Amino acid sequence: MSLIGPRCHAIGMLASGMLFEELVPEYHQRHIMRPGLSGLAQIRGWRGPTTRRGEARARIMCDLYYVSNYSFKLDMQILVATLRSEIGRGTGF
C-alpha cells in the first residue's frame, strides 16, 4: 500500500445493485497503481460507503484520472490537501 493512490474497494462492491465494473467499464484500470491511504477521490469528498451510482462513478473517475495523470506534483497536492483536511476538520480519510 502507498501513502497516495486509489483507495481499495472490496471485491463485488455494489452501487444501486450494479457492480462498480459495470458502472464504469474502465474500472479495472485503477488497479494499475498500488492502493493508497488517501487519494484524489478522498480529498474531493468521495469517501465512505457509496450506494448511489453517481457517487460511485465520481469516485471511480477520480481514481482513473489519478492513474492517467500520476505525477510527484499531484501526489504532493493530494498529500497537502489531506493533511490540511485532517488538521482543520479531523474528518478522517
Protein backbone atom coordinates (compact mmCIF):
# COMPACT_ATOMS: atom_id res chain seq x y z
CA MET A 1 0.00 0.00 0.00
CA SER A 2 1.15 3.52 -0.78
CA LEU A 3 0.55 6.77 1.03
CA ILE A 4 -1.25 8.20 -2.03
CA GLY A 5 -3.22 6.21 -4.61
CA PRO A 6 -6.67 4.86 -5.40
CA ARG A 7 -8.37 3.51 -2.27
CA CYS A 8 -9.09 -0.22 -2.10
CA HIS A 9 -12.60 -1.44 -2.78
CA ALA A 10 -13.93 -4.75 -1.57
CA ILE A 11 -14.48 -7.35 -4.29
CA GLY A 12 -18.03 -7.18 -5.59
CA MET A 13 -18.77 -3.59 -4.46
CA LEU A 14 -22.27 -2.54 -5.49
CA ALA A 15 -23.93 0.81 -6.10
CA SER A 16 -27.70 0.56 -6.56
CA GLY A 17 -27.36 -3.13 -7.31
CA MET A 18 -24.68 -2.71 -10.00
CA LEU A 19 -21.08 -3.82 -9.72
CA PHE A 20 -18.58 -0.98 -9.93
CA GLU A 21 -17.04 -2.55 -13.04
CA GLU A 22 -20.48 -2.48 -14.70
CA LEU A 23 -20.88 1.23 -13.90
CA VAL A 24 -17.52 2.18 -15.40
CA PRO A 25 -16.09 -0.31 -17.93
CA GLU A 26 -12.54 1.02 -17.33
CA TYR A 27 -12.86 0.31 -13.59
CA HIS A 28 -10.02 -2.22 -13.54
CA GLN A 29 -7.54 0.37 -14.89
CA ARG A 30 -7.42 1.78 -11.36
CA HIS A 31 -5.64 -1.42 -10.25
CA ILE A 32 -2.56 -0.47 -12.28
CA MET A 33 -1.36 1.50 -9.26
CA ARG A 34 -0.95 0.37 -5.69
CA PRO A 35 -3.79 1.46 -3.41
CA GLY A 36 -3.18 4.36 -1.07
CA LEU A 37 -4.28 5.62 2.32
CA SER A 38 -5.54 8.81 0.67
CA GLY A 39 -6.30 9.73 -2.89
CA LEU A 40 -7.88 12.22 -5.23
CA ALA A 41 -11.40 10.89 -4.61
CA GLN A 42 -10.99 11.29 -0.85
CA ILE A 43 -9.85 14.90 -0.97
CA ARG A 44 -12.77 15.68 -3.29
CA GLY A 45 -15.19 14.29 -0.70
CA TRP A 46 -15.92 10.89 -2.28
CA ARG A 47 -15.26 8.63 0.71
CA GLY A 48 -17.18 6.29 2.91
CA PRO A 49 -19.97 3.96 1.83
CA THR A 50 -21.21 4.54 -1.70
CA THR A 51 -24.61 3.20 -2.62
CA ARG A 52 -25.67 5.62 -5.36
CA ARG A 53 -24.46 5.11 -8.92
CA GLY A 54 -23.46 8.74 -9.47
CA GLU A 55 -21.32 8.81 -6.35
CA ALA A 56 -19.63 5.52 -7.24
CA ARG A 57 -18.99 6.75 -10.79
CA ALA A 58 -17.49 10.03 -9.49
CA ARG A 59 -15.18 8.16 -7.11
CA ILE A 60 -14.01 5.78 -9.82
CA MET A 61 -13.47 8.61 -12.32
CA CYS A 62 -11.27 10.41 -9.76
CA ASP A 63 -9.21 7.23 -9.39
CA LEU A 64 -8.91 6.84 -13.17
CA TYR A 65 -7.87 10.47 -13.53
CA TYR A 66 -5.19 9.93 -10.88
CA VAL A 67 -3.87 6.83 -12.66
CA SER A 68 -3.75 8.63 -16.02
CA ASN A 69 -2.17 11.80 -14.65
CA TYR A 70 0.10 10.41 -11.95
CA SER A 71 2.98 12.69 -11.01
CA PHE A 72 5.02 13.60 -7.97
CA LYS A 73 3.38 17.04 -8.05
CA LEU A 74 -0.13 15.53 -7.98
CA ASP A 75 0.88 13.28 -5.09
CA MET A 76 2.16 16.29 -3.15
CA GLN A 77 -1.05 18.24 -3.84
CA ILE A 78 -3.14 15.32 -2.56
CA LEU A 79 -0.89 14.90 0.49
CA VAL A 80 -1.11 18.60 1.40
CA ALA A 81 -4.90 18.63 0.89
CA THR A 82 -5.23 15.51 3.07
CA LEU A 83 -3.13 17.00 5.85
CA ARG A 84 -4.99 20.30 5.64
CA SER A 85 -8.32 18.45 5.88
CA GLU A 86 -7.21 16.31 8.81
CA ILE A 87 -5.67 19.15 10.78
CA GLY A 88 -8.51 21.55 10.01
CA ARG A 89 -11.56 19.33 10.37
CA GLY A 90 -10.37 15.95 11.54
CA THR A 91 -12.98 14.18 9.39
CA GLY A 92 -10.86 11.10 8.74
CA PHE A 93 -9.82 9.52 5.49
